[in-house]
Amino acid sequence: MLIQEFCPYMTKGYTEISFSPEQEEKICSCASGDVMMKLELVKICIDMIIKLASWYSLENGTPFSQLIQIGVLAVVKASENYCDSENLSFVDYLCNEIMRSIIEYSESHHRI
């Protein structure tokens, strides 16, 4: 599942965030146990979380504040699982994980 499937107007330039291969390697090796690194990633990625949550909230009516929380948790989860990704850059992997988490949350709460 790629972000372009859900936000077709968001091109590859949807974010100003980028990580060097060295930074991605550090994320891979440190993030699973380093709480401070996870917090730094959330701070770096908060604009992206806000953009995706805002777009999805407007499109589907899910409360924005809930989507922000889901996005933050997705950043933490993505940092822990990035090493298992399918050769995506960390930013692409991260965006996909945030969108996937938002959609799963929204779908599970609209069924109730």
PDB file of N, CA and C in Angstrom:
ATOM      1  N   MET A   1       0.848  -1.160   0.000  1.00  0.00           N
ATOM      2  CA  MET A   1       0.000   0.000   0.000  1.00  0.00           C
ATOM      3  C   MET A   1       0.902   1.234   0.000  1.00  0.00           C
ATOM      4  N   LEU A   2       0.736   2.087  -0.963  1.00  0.00           N
ATOM      5  CA  LEU A   2       1.543   3.293  -1.044  1.00  0.00           C
ATOM      6  C   LEU A   2       0.694   4.522  -0.801  1.00  0.00           C
ATOM      7  N   ILE A   3       1.319   5.543  -0.288  1.00  0.00           N
ATOM      8  CA  ILE A   3       0.599   6.767   0.055  1.00  0.00           C
ATOM      9  C   ILE A   3      -0.085   7.380  -1.158  1.00  0.00           C
ATOM     10  N   GLN A   4       0.501   7.227  -2.350  1.00  0.00           N
ATOM     11  CA  GLN A   4      -0.091   7.817  -3.548  1.00  0.00           C
ATOM     12  C   GLN A   4      -1.465   7.220  -3.854  1.00  0.00           C
ATOM     13  N   GLU A   5      -1.733   6.004  -3.385  1.00  0.00           N
ATOM     14  CA  GLU A   5      -3.046   5.399  -3.593  1.00  0.00           C
ATOM     15  C   GLU A   5      -4.133   6.161  -2.840  1.00  0.00           C
ATOM     16  N   PHE A   6      -3.780   6.759  -1.700  1.00  0.00           N
ATOM     17  CA  PHE A   6      -4.766   7.409  -0.865  1.00  0.00           C
ATOM     18  C   PHE A   6      -4.744   8.914  -0.997  1.00  0.00           C
ATOM     19  N   CYS A   7      -3.606   9.472  -1.319  1.00  0.00           N
ATOM     20  CA  CYS A   7      -3.460  10.919  -1.488  1.00  0.00           C
ATOM     21  C   CYS A   7      -2.846  11.167  -2.855  1.00  0.00           C
ATOM     22  N   PRO A   8      -3.587  10.973  -3.914  1.00  0.00           N
ATOM     23  CA  PRO A   8      -2.991  11.046  -5.249  1.00  0.00           C
ATOM     24  C   PRO A   8      -2.379  12.404  -5.582  1.00  0.00           C
ATOM     25  N   TYR A   9      -2.819  13.462  -4.936  1.00  0.00           N
ATOM     26  CA  TYR A   9      -2.259  14.776  -5.223  1.00  0.00           C
ATOM     27  C   TYR A   9      -0.939  14.998  -4.496  1.00  0.00           C
ATOM     28  N   MET A  10      -0.591  14.119  -3.579  1.00  0.00           N
ATOM     29  CA  MET A  10       0.672  14.245  -2.859  1.00  0.00           C
ATOM     30  C   MET A  10       1.762  13.551  -3.656  1.00  0.00           C
ATOM     31  N   THR A  11       2.566  14.336  -4.301  1.00  0.00           N
ATOM     32  CA  THR A  11       3.662  13.764  -5.075  1.00  0.00           C
ATOM     33  C   THR A  11       4.795  13.384  -4.142  1.00  0.00           C
ATOM     34  N   LYS A  12       5.866  12.894  -4.706  1.00  0.00           N
ATOM     35  CA  LYS A  12       7.037  12.502  -3.926  1.00  0.00           C
ATOM     36  C   LYS A  12       7.533  13.654  -3.059  1.00  0.00           C
ATOM     37  N   GLY A  13       7.243  14.882  -3.418  1.00  0.00           N
ATOM     38  CA  GLY A  13       7.678  16.029  -2.645  1.00  0.00           C
ATOM     39  C   GLY A  13       6.732  16.395  -1.515  1.00  0.00           C
ATOM     40  N   TYR A  14       5.984  15.452  -0.972  1.00  0.00           N
ATOM     41  CA  TYR A  14       5.016  15.750   0.064  1.00  0.00           C
ATOM     42  C   TYR A  14       5.667  16.158   1.371  1.00  0.00           C
ATOM     43  N   THR A  15       6.953  16.002   1.478  1.00  0.00           N
ATOM     44  CA  THR A  15       7.616  16.342   2.726  1.00  0.00           C
ATOM     45  C   THR A  15       9.007  16.889   2.475  1.00  0.00           C
ATOM     46  N   GLU A  16       9.468  17.678   3.364  1.00  0.00           N
ATOM     47  CA  GLU A  16      10.821  18.224   3.285  1.00  0.00           C
ATOM     48  C   GLU A  16      11.802  17.314   4.018  1.00  0.00           C
ATOM     49  N   ILE A  17      11.308  16.249   4.612  1.00  0.00           N
ATOM     50  CA  ILE A  17      12.136  15.358   5.422  1.00  0.00           C
ATOM     51  C   ILE A  17      12.945  14.439   4.525  1.00  0.00           C
ATOM     52  N   SER A  18      14.202  14.286   4.862  1.00  0.00           N
ATOM     53  CA  SER A  18      15.021  13.282   4.181  1.00  0.00           C
ATOM     54  C   SER A  18      16.083  12.792   5.155  1.00  0.00           C
ATOM     55  N   PHE A  19      16.476  11.571   4.956  1.00  0.00           N
ATOM     56  CA  PHE A  19      17.503  10.949   5.787  1.00  0.00           C
ATOM     57  C   PHE A  19      18.575  10.386   4.877  1.00  0.00           C
ATOM     58  N   SER A  20      19.815  10.552   5.271  1.00  0.00           N
ATOM     59  CA  SER A  20      20.920   9.963   4.511  1.00  0.00           C
ATOM     60  C   SER A  20      20.945   8.459   4.776  1.00  0.00           C
ATOM     61  N   PRO A  21      21.633   7.689   3.928  1.00  0.00           N
ATOM     62  CA  PRO A  21      21.756   6.250   4.192  1.00  0.00           C
ATOM     63  C   PRO A  21      22.360   5.964   5.573  1.00  0.00           C
ATOM     64  N   GLU A  22      23.279   6.819   6.010  1.00  0.00           N
ATOM     65  CA  GLU A  22      23.886   6.640   7.326  1.00  0.00           C
ATOM     66  C   GLU A  22      22.846   6.860   8.434  1.00  0.00           C
ATOM     67  N   GLN A  23      22.001   7.869   8.250  1.00  0.00           N
ATOM     68  CA  GLN A  23      20.963   8.130   9.243  1.00  0.00           C
ATOM     69  C   GLN A  23      19.951   6.992   9.269  1.00  0.00           C
ATOM     70  N   GLU A  24      19.604   6.467   8.088  1.00  0.00           N
ATOM     71  CA  GLU A  24      18.665   5.350   8.041  1.00  0.00           C
ATOM     72  C   GLU A  24      19.252   4.125   8.738  1.00  0.00           C
ATOM     73  N   GLU A  25      20.543   3.906   8.565  1.00  0.00           N
ATOM     74  CA  GLU A  25      21.200   2.785   9.237  1.00  0.00           C
ATOM     75  C   GLU A  25      21.161   2.984  10.754  1.00  0.00           C
ATOM     76  N   LYS A  26      21.376   4.221  11.192  1.00  0.00           N
ATOM     77  CA  LYS A  26      21.325   4.520  12.622  1.00  0.00           C
ATOM     78  C   LYS A  26      19.914   4.296  13.160  1.00  0.00           C
ATOM     79  N   ILE A  27      18.928   4.710  12.397  1.00  0.00           N
ATOM     80  CA  ILE A  27      17.537   4.483  12.795  1.00  0.00           C
ATOM     81  C   ILE A  27      17.308   2.992  12.974  1.00  0.00           C
ATOM     82  N   CYS A  28      17.780   2.248  12.022  1.00  0.00           N
ATOM     83  CA  CYS A  28      17.610   0.795  12.025  1.00  0.00           C
ATOM     84  C   CYS A  28      18.262   0.166  13.254  1.00  0.00           C
ATOM     85  N   SER A  29      19.439   0.632  13.615  1.00  0.00           N
ATOM     86  CA  SER A  29      20.166  -0.013  14.699  1.00  0.00           C
ATOM     87  C   SER A  29      19.799   0.505  16.081  1.00  0.00           C
ATOM     88  N   CYS A  30      19.321   1.729  16.189  1.00  0.00           N
ATOM     89  CA  CYS A  30      19.104   2.339  17.507  1.00  0.00           C
ATOM     90  C   CYS A  30      17.646   2.476  17.924  1.00  0.00           C
ATOM     91  N   ALA A  31      16.763   2.658  17.002  1.00  0.00           N
ATOM     92  CA  ALA A  31      15.413   3.101  17.345  1.00  0.00           C
ATOM     93  C   ALA A  31      14.633   2.104  18.184  1.00  0.00           C
ATOM     94  N   SER A  32      14.899   0.835  18.036  1.00  0.00           N
ATOM     95  CA  SER A  32      14.096  -0.132  18.772  1.00  0.00           C
ATOM     96  C   SER A  32      14.240   0.024  20.282  1.00  0.00           C
ATOM     97  N   GLY A  33      15.377   0.542  20.764  1.00  0.00           N
ATOM     98  CA  GLY A  33      15.537   0.669  22.199  1.00  0.00           C
ATOM     99  C   GLY A  33      15.769   2.083  22.693  1.00  0.00           C
ATOM    100  N   ASP A  34      15.902   3.039  21.819  1.00  0.00           N
ATOM    101  CA  ASP A  34      16.275   4.391  22.200  1.00  0.00           C
ATOM    102  C   ASP A  34      15.052   5.312  22.186  1.00  0.00           C
ATOM    103  N   VAL A  35      14.514   5.581  23.372  1.00  0.00           N
ATOM    104  CA  VAL A  35      13.315   6.405  23.493  1.00  0.00           C
ATOM    105  C   VAL A  35      13.568   7.827  23.004  1.00  0.00           C
ATOM    106  N   MET A  36      14.728   8.370  23.296  1.00  0.00           N
ATOM    107  CA  MET A  36      15.028   9.739  22.874  1.00  0.00           C
ATOM    108  C   MET A  36      15.072   9.854  21.349  1.00  0.00           C
ATOM    109  N   MET A  37      15.583   8.826  20.681  1.00  0.00           N
ATOM    110  CA  MET A  37      15.611   8.848  19.226  1.00  0.00           C
ATOM    111  C   MET A  37      14.183   8.820  18.663  1.00  0.00           C
ATOM    112  N   LYS A  38      13.328   8.040  19.287  1.00  0.00           N
ATOM    113  CA  LYS A  38      11.933   7.997  18.847  1.00  0.00           C
ATOM    114  C   LYS A  38      11.269   9.366  19.010  1.00  0.00           C
ATOM    115  N   LEU A  39      11.541  10.023  20.128  1.00  0.00           N
ATOM    116  CA  LEU A  39      10.988  11.353  20.340  1.00  0.00           C
ATOM    117  C   LEU A  39      11.506  12.345  19.303  1.00  0.00           C
ATOM    118  N   GLU A  40      12.784  12.268  18.977  1.00  0.00           N
ATOM    119  CA  GLU A  40      13.360  13.136  17.947  1.00  0.00           C
ATOM    120  C   GLU A  40      12.696  12.879  16.595  1.00  0.00           C
ATOM    121  N   LEU A  41      12.474  11.613  16.268  1.00  0.00           N
ATOM    122  CA  LEU A  41      11.799  11.286  15.003  1.00  0.00           C
ATOM    123  C   LEU A  41      10.392  11.867  14.967  1.00  0.00           C
ATOM    124  N   VAL A  42       9.676  11.771  16.070  1.00  0.00           N
ATOM    125  CA  VAL A  42       8.325  12.336  16.120  1.00  0.00           C
ATOM    126  C   VAL A  42       8.394  13.845  15.897  1.00  0.00           C
ATOM    127  N   LYS A  43       9.352  14.526  16.541  1.00  0.00           N
ATOM    128  CA  LYS A  43       9.501  15.972  16.346  1.00  0.00           C
ATOM    129  C   LYS A  43       9.824  16.301  14.893  1.00  0.00           C
ATOM    130  N   ILE A  44      10.702  15.526  14.281  1.00  0.00           N
ATOM    131  CA  ILE A  44      11.082  15.760  12.891  1.00  0.00           C
ATOM    132  C   ILE A  44       9.890  15.545  11.959  1.00  0.00           C
ATOM    133  N   CYS A  45       9.064  14.571  12.292  1.00  0.00           N
ATOM    134  CA  CYS A  45       7.989  14.135  11.390  1.00  0.00           C
ATOM    135  C   CYS A  45       6.627  14.739  11.704  1.00  0.00           C
ATOM    136  N   ILE A  46       6.527  15.601  12.698  1.00  0.00           N
ATOM    137  CA  ILE A  46       5.211  16.083  13.110  1.00  0.00           C
ATOM    138  C   ILE A  46       4.470  16.824  11.988  1.00  0.00           C
ATOM    139  N   ASP A  47       5.177  17.575  11.164  1.00  0.00           N
ATOM    140  CA  ASP A  47       4.495  18.263  10.059  1.00  0.00           C
ATOM    141  C   ASP A  47       3.872  17.266   9.082  1.00  0.00           C
ATOM    142  N   MET A  48       4.601  16.197   8.790  1.00  0.00           N
ATOM    143  CA  MET A  48       4.072  15.171   7.902  1.00  0.00           C
ATOM    144  C   MET A  48       2.844  14.508   8.530  1.00  0.00           C
ATOM    145  N   ILE A  49       2.901  14.204   9.819  1.00  0.00           N
ATOM    146  CA  ILE A  49       1.765  13.598  10.518  1.00  0.00           C
ATOM    147  C   ILE A  49       0.559  14.530  10.437  1.00  0.00           C
ATOM    148  N   ILE A  50       0.773  15.804  10.675  1.00  0.00           N
ATOM    149  CA  ILE A  50      -0.317  16.779  10.641  1.00  0.00           C
ATOM    150  C   ILE A  50      -0.931  16.862   9.248  1.00  0.00           C
ATOM    151  N   LYS A  51      -0.102  16.906   8.209  1.00  0.00           N
ATOM    152  CA  LYS A  51      -0.624  16.981   6.833  1.00  0.00           C
ATOM    153  C   LYS A  51      -1.465  15.758   6.487  1.00  0.00           C
ATOM    154  N   LEU A  52      -0.955  14.576   6.805  1.00  0.00           N
ATOM    155  CA  LEU A  52      -1.690  13.353   6.478  1.00  0.00           C
ATOM    156  C   LEU A  52      -2.966  13.238   7.302  1.00  0.00           C
ATOM    157  N   ALA A  53      -2.887  13.551   8.598  1.00  0.00           N
ATOM    158  CA  ALA A  53      -4.068  13.476   9.458  1.00  0.00           C
ATOM    159  C   ALA A  53      -5.120  14.505   9.039  1.00  0.00           C
ATOM    160  N   SER A  54      -4.680  15.699   8.690  1.00  0.00           N
ATOM    161  CA  SER A  54      -5.607  16.738   8.255  1.00  0.00           C
ATOM    162  C   SER A  54      -6.324  16.324   6.976  1.00  0.00           C
ATOM    163  N   TRP A  55      -5.563  15.852   6.003  1.00  0.00           N
ATOM    164  CA  TRP A  55      -6.165  15.421   4.748  1.00  0.00           C
ATOM    165  C   TRP A  55      -7.176  14.309   4.983  1.00  0.00           C
ATOM    166  N   TYR A  56      -6.778  13.296   5.747  1.00  0.00           N
ATOM    167  CA  TYR A  56      -7.668  12.150   5.955  1.00  0.00           C
ATOM    168  C   TYR A  56      -8.892  12.550   6.777  1.00  0.00           C
ATOM    169  N   SER A  57      -8.717  13.422   7.754  1.00  0.00           N
ATOM    170  CA  SER A  57      -9.841  13.879   8.566  1.00  0.00           C
ATOM    171  C   SER A  57     -10.870  14.617   7.710  1.00  0.00           C
ATOM    172  N   LEU A  58     -10.395  15.474   6.812  1.00  0.00           N
ATOM    173  CA  LEU A  58     -11.304  16.199   5.921  1.00  0.00           C
ATOM    174  C   LEU A  58     -12.011  15.265   4.951  1.00  0.00           C
ATOM    175  N   GLU A  59     -11.289  14.259   4.464  1.00  0.00           N
ATOM    176  CA  GLU A  59     -11.862  13.324   3.496  1.00  0.00           C
ATOM    177  C   GLU A  59     -12.859  12.351   4.124  1.00  0.00           C
ATOM    178  N   ASN A  60     -12.621  11.947   5.389  1.00  0.00           N
ATOM    179  CA  ASN A  60     -13.404  10.860   5.966  1.00  0.00           C
ATOM    180  C   ASN A  60     -14.104  11.177   7.277  1.00  0.00           C
ATOM    181  N   GLY A  61     -13.878  12.361   7.816  1.00  0.00           N
ATOM    182  CA  GLY A  61     -14.587  12.756   9.026  1.00  0.00           C
ATOM    183  C   GLY A  61     -14.073  12.161  10.325  1.00  0.00           C
ATOM    184  N   THR A  62     -12.976  11.457  10.305  1.00  0.00           N
ATOM    185  CA  THR A  62     -12.395  10.938  11.535  1.00  0.00           C
ATOM    186  C   THR A  62     -11.785  12.114  12.293  1.00  0.00           C
ATOM    187  N   PRO A  63     -11.995  12.186  13.609  1.00  0.00           N
ATOM    188  CA  PRO A  63     -11.476  13.331  14.375  1.00  0.00           C
ATOM    189  C   PRO A  63      -9.962  13.504  14.207  1.00  0.00           C
ATOM    190  N   PHE A  64      -9.572  14.721  13.909  1.00  0.00           N
ATOM    191  CA  PHE A  64      -8.187  15.072  13.648  1.00  0.00           C
ATOM    192  C   PHE A  64      -7.268  14.699  14.814  1.00  0.00           C
ATOM    193  N   SER A  65      -7.686  15.001  16.043  1.00  0.00           N
ATOM    194  CA  SER A  65      -6.836  14.733  17.213  1.00  0.00           C
ATOM    195  C   SER A  65      -6.539  13.243  17.361  1.00  0.00           C
ATOM    196  N   GLN A  66      -7.498  12.410  17.049  1.00  0.00           N
ATOM    197  CA  GLN A  66      -7.264  10.964  17.119  1.00  0.00           C
ATOM    198  C   GLN A  66      -6.263  10.528  16.059  1.00  0.00           C
ATOM    199  N   LEU A  67      -6.362  11.115  14.879  1.00  0.00           N
ATOM    200  CA  LEU A  67      -5.446  10.756  13.800  1.00  0.00           C
ATOM    201  C   LEU A  67      -4.020  11.203  14.098  1.00  0.00           C
ATOM    202  N   ILE A  68      -3.866  12.322  14.788  1.00  0.00           N
ATOM    203  CA  ILE A  68      -2.531  12.769  15.194  1.00  0.00           C
ATOM    204  C   ILE A  68      -1.921  11.729  16.133  1.00  0.00           C
ATOM    205  N   GLN A  69      -2.684  11.276  17.095  1.00  0.00           N
ATOM    206  CA  GLN A  69      -2.186  10.262  18.029  1.00  0.00           C
ATOM    207  C   GLN A  69      -1.785   8.987  17.292  1.00  0.00           C
ATOM    208  N   ILE A  70      -2.605   8.573  16.355  1.00  0.00           N
ATOM    209  CA  ILE A  70      -2.306   7.373  15.570  1.00  0.00           C
ATOM    210  C   ILE A  70      -1.037   7.594  14.754  1.00  0.00           C
ATOM    211  N   GLY A  71      -0.874   8.782  14.188  1.00  0.00           N
ATOM    212  CA  GLY A  71       0.324   9.095  13.405  1.00  0.00           C
ATOM    213  C   GLY A  71       1.589   9.056  14.239  1.00  0.00           C
ATOM    214  N   VAL A  72       1.531   9.586  15.451  1.00  0.00           N
ATOM    215  CA  VAL A  72       2.701   9.552  16.339  1.00  0.00           C
ATOM    216  C   VAL A  72       3.068   8.108  16.663  1.00  0.00           C
ATOM    217  N   LEU A  73       2.090   7.309  16.990  1.00  0.00           N
ATOM    218  CA  LEU A  73       2.359   5.891  17.276  1.00  0.00           C
ATOM    219  C   LEU A  73       2.923   5.179  16.046  1.00  0.00           C
ATOM    220  N   ALA A  74       2.453   5.561  14.871  1.00  0.00           N
ATOM    221  CA  ALA A  74       2.957   4.951  13.633  1.00  0.00           C
ATOM    222  C   ALA A  74       4.425   5.286  13.405  1.00  0.00           C
ATOM    223  N   VAL A  75       4.847   6.498  13.756  1.00  0.00           N
ATOM    224  CA  VAL A  75       6.258   6.876  13.626  1.00  0.00           C
ATOM    225  C   VAL A  75       7.114   5.991  14.520  1.00  0.00           C
ATOM    226  N   VAL A  76       6.666   5.797  15.745  1.00  0.00           N
ATOM    227  CA  VAL A  76       7.414   4.944  16.678  1.00  0.00           C
ATOM    228  C   VAL A  76       7.489   3.520  16.144  1.00  0.00           C
ATOM    229  N   LYS A  77       6.359   3.002  15.695  1.00  0.00           N
ATOM    230  CA  LYS A  77       6.323   1.638  15.165  1.00  0.00           C
ATOM    231  C   LYS A  77       7.197   1.515  13.914  1.00  0.00           C
ATOM    232  N   ALA A  78       7.124   2.499  13.035  1.00  0.00           N
ATOM    233  CA  ALA A  78       7.926   2.462  11.808  1.00  0.00           C
ATOM    234  C   ALA A  78       9.413   2.472  12.117  1.00  0.00           C
ATOM    235  N   SER A  79       9.803   3.237  13.135  1.00  0.00           N
ATOM    236  CA  SER A  79      11.222   3.273  13.491  1.00  0.00           C
ATOM    237  C   SER A  79      11.694   1.923  14.009  1.00  0.00           C
ATOM    238  N   GLU A  80      10.806   1.182  14.626  1.00  0.00           N
ATOM    239  CA  GLU A  80      11.158  -0.137  15.151  1.00  0.00           C
ATOM    240  C   GLU A  80      11.188  -1.200  14.063  1.00  0.00           C
ATOM    241  N   ASN A  81      10.385  -1.023  13.033  1.00  0.00           N
ATOM    242  CA  ASN A  81      10.231  -2.064  12.006  1.00  0.00           C
ATOM    243  C   ASN A  81      10.896  -1.742  10.680  1.00  0.00           C
ATOM    244  N   TYR A  82      11.577  -0.621  10.578  1.00  0.00           N
ATOM    245  CA  TYR A  82      12.110  -0.184   9.292  1.00  0.00           C
ATOM    246  C   TYR A  82      13.053  -1.196   8.653  1.00  0.00           C
ATOM    247  N   CYS A  83      13.839  -1.884   9.418  1.00  0.00           N
ATOM    248  CA  CYS A  83      14.815  -2.831   8.851  1.00  0.00           C
ATOM    249  C   CYS A  83      14.148  -3.918   8.026  1.00  0.00           C
ATOM    250  N   ASP A  84      12.875  -4.164   8.280  1.00  0.00           N
ATOM    251  CA  ASP A  84      12.161  -5.209   7.559  1.00  0.00           C
ATOM    252  C   ASP A  84      11.453  -4.690   6.313  1.00  0.00           C
ATOM    253  N   SER A  85      11.687  -3.441   5.955  1.00  0.00           N
ATOM    254  CA  SER A  85      10.978  -2.837   4.817  1.00  0.00           C
ATOM    255  C   SER A  85      11.474  -3.393   3.487  1.00  0.00           C
ATOM    256  N   GLU A  86      10.702  -3.135   2.448  1.00  0.00           N
ATOM    257  CA  GLU A  86      10.992  -3.649   1.094  1.00  0.00           C
ATOM    258  C   GLU A  86      11.812  -2.662   0.279  1.00  0.00           C
ATOM    259  N   ASN A  87      12.986  -2.308   0.721  1.00  0.00           N
ATOM    260  CA  ASN A  87      13.893  -1.397   0.003  1.00  0.00           C
ATOM    261  C   ASN A  87      13.287  -0.021  -0.262  1.00  0.00           C
ATOM    262  N   LEU A  88      12.468   0.451   0.627  1.00  0.00           N
ATOM    263  CA  LEU A  88      11.949   1.808   0.535  1.00  0.00           C
ATOM    264  C   LEU A  88      12.850   2.723   1.351  1.00  0.00           C
ATOM    265  N   SER A  89      12.909   3.989   0.974  1.00  0.00           N
ATOM    266  CA  SER A  89      13.601   4.942   1.835  1.00  0.00           C
ATOM    267  C   SER A  89      12.809   5.034   3.130  1.00  0.00           C
ATOM    268  N   PHE A  90      13.460   5.495   4.196  1.00  0.00           N
ATOM    269  CA  PHE A  90      12.764   5.589   5.478  1.00  0.00           C
ATOM    270  C   PHE A  90      11.570   6.533   5.394  1.00  0.00           C
ATOM    271  N   VAL A  91      11.716   7.637   4.683  1.00  0.00           N
ATOM    272  CA  VAL A  91      10.614   8.600   4.572  1.00  0.00           C
ATOM    273  C   VAL A  91       9.413   7.971   3.872  1.00  0.00           C
ATOM    274  N   ASP A  92       9.640   7.266   2.761  1.00  0.00           N
ATOM    275  CA  ASP A  92       8.536   6.603   2.066  1.00  0.00           C
ATOM    276  C   ASP A  92       7.893   5.538   2.951  1.00  0.00           C
ATOM    277  N   TYR A  93       8.739   4.752   3.616  1.00  0.00           N
ATOM    278  CA  TYR A  93       8.230   3.719   4.528  1.00  0.00           C
ATOM    279  C   TYR A  93       7.404   4.359   5.635  1.00  0.00           C
ATOM    280  N   LEU A  94       7.921   5.445   6.196  1.00  0.00           N
ATOM    281  CA  LEU A  94       7.255   6.141   7.274  1.00  0.00           C
ATOM    282  C   LEU A  94       5.888   6.674   6.838  1.00  0.00           C
ATOM    283  N   CYS A  95       5.831   7.327   5.700  1.00  0.00           N
ATOM    284  CA  CYS A  95       4.552   7.856   5.192  1.00  0.00           C
ATOM    285  C   CYS A  95       3.547   6.740   4.960  1.00  0.00           C
ATOM    286  N   ASN A  96       4.012   5.648   4.390  1.00  0.00           N
ATOM    287  CA  ASN A  96       3.121   4.516   4.153  1.00  0.00           C
ATOM    288  C   ASN A  96       2.588   3.955   5.470  1.00  0.00           C
ATOM    289  N   GLU A  97       3.447   3.852   6.477  1.00  0.00           N
ATOM    290  CA  GLU A  97       3.024   3.332   7.776  1.00  0.00           C
ATOM    291  C   GLU A  97       2.037   4.265   8.467  1.00  0.00           C
ATOM    292  N   ILE A  98       2.275   5.560   8.379  1.00  0.00           N
ATOM    293  CA  ILE A  98       1.346   6.522   8.980  1.00  0.00           C
ATOM    294  C   ILE A  98      -0.019   6.405   8.309  1.00  0.00           C
ATOM    295  N   MET A  99      -0.040   6.389   6.987  1.00  0.00           N
ATOM    296  CA  MET A  99      -1.314   6.290   6.260  1.00  0.00           C
ATOM    297  C   MET A  99      -2.013   4.970   6.545  1.00  0.00           C
ATOM    298  N   ARG A 100      -1.260   3.877   6.552  1.00  0.00           N
ATOM    299  CA  ARG A 100      -1.848   2.558   6.826  1.00  0.00           C
ATOM    300  C   ARG A 100      -2.481   2.546   8.219  1.00  0.00           C
ATOM    301  N   SER A 101      -1.773   3.085   9.199  1.00  0.00           N
ATOM    302  CA  SER A 101      -2.291   3.115  10.571  1.00  0.00           C
ATOM    303  C   SER A 101      -3.543   3.979  10.679  1.00  0.00           C
ATOM    304  N   ILE A 102      -3.534   5.128  10.025  1.00  0.00           N
ATOM    305  CA  ILE A 102      -4.691   6.017  10.040  1.00  0.00           C
ATOM    306  C   ILE A 102      -5.902   5.332   9.408  1.00  0.00           C
ATOM    307  N   ILE A 103      -5.705   4.695   8.282  1.00  0.00           N
ATOM    308  CA  ILE A 103      -6.810   4.022   7.591  1.00  0.00           C
ATOM    309  C   ILE A 103      -7.338   2.859   8.416  1.00  0.00           C
ATOM    310  N   GLU A 104      -6.436   2.044   8.959  1.00  0.00           N
ATOM    311  CA  GLU A 104      -6.878   0.916   9.786  1.00  0.00           C
ATOM    312  C   GLU A 104      -7.670   1.401  10.994  1.00  0.00           C
ATOM    313  N   TYR A 105      -7.186   2.441  11.644  1.00  0.00           N
ATOM    314  CA  TYR A 105      -7.899   2.992  12.799  1.00  0.00           C
ATOM    315  C   TYR A 105      -9.276   3.500  12.389  1.00  0.00           C
ATOM    316  N   SER A 106      -9.314   4.275  11.339  1.00  0.00           N
ATOM    317  CA  SER A 106     -10.563   4.866  10.887  1.00  0.00           C
ATOM    318  C   SER A 106     -11.582   3.792  10.509  1.00  0.00           C
ATOM    319  N   GLU A 107     -11.130   2.794   9.771  1.00  0.00           N
ATOM    320  CA  GLU A 107     -12.039   1.706   9.355  1.00  0.00           C
ATOM    321  C   GLU A 107     -12.541   0.900  10.548  1.00  0.00           C
ATOM    322  N   SER A 108     -11.680   0.638  11.518  1.00  0.00           N
ATOM    323  CA  SER A 108     -12.099  -0.154  12.678  1.00  0.00           C
ATOM    324  C   SER A 108     -13.085   0.617  13.554  1.00  0.00           C
ATOM    325  N   HIS A 109     -12.990   1.946  13.579  1.00  0.00           N
ATOM    326  CA  HIS A 109     -13.892   2.730  14.421  1.00  0.00           C
ATOM    327  C   HIS A 109     -15.165   3.157  13.702  1.00  0.00           C
ATOM    328  N   HIS A 110     -15.215   3.057  12.392  1.00  0.00           N
ATOM    329  CA  HIS A 110     -16.457   3.356  11.679  1.00  0.00           C
ATOM    330  C   HIS A 110     -17.391   2.150  11.635  1.00  0.00           C
ATOM    331  N   ARG A 111     -16.873   0.978  11.935  1.00  0.00           N
ATOM    332  CA  ARG A 111     -17.702  -0.232  11.928  1.00  0.00           C
ATOM    333  C   ARG A 111     -18.528  -0.351  13.200  1.00  0.00           C
ATOM    334  N   ILE A 112     -18.092   0.348  14.259  1.00  0.00           N
ATOM    335  CA  ILE A 112     -18.766   0.210  15.555  1.00  0.00           C
ATOM    336  C   ILE A 112     -20.104   0.888  15.552  1.00  0.00           C
TER     337      ILE A 112
END
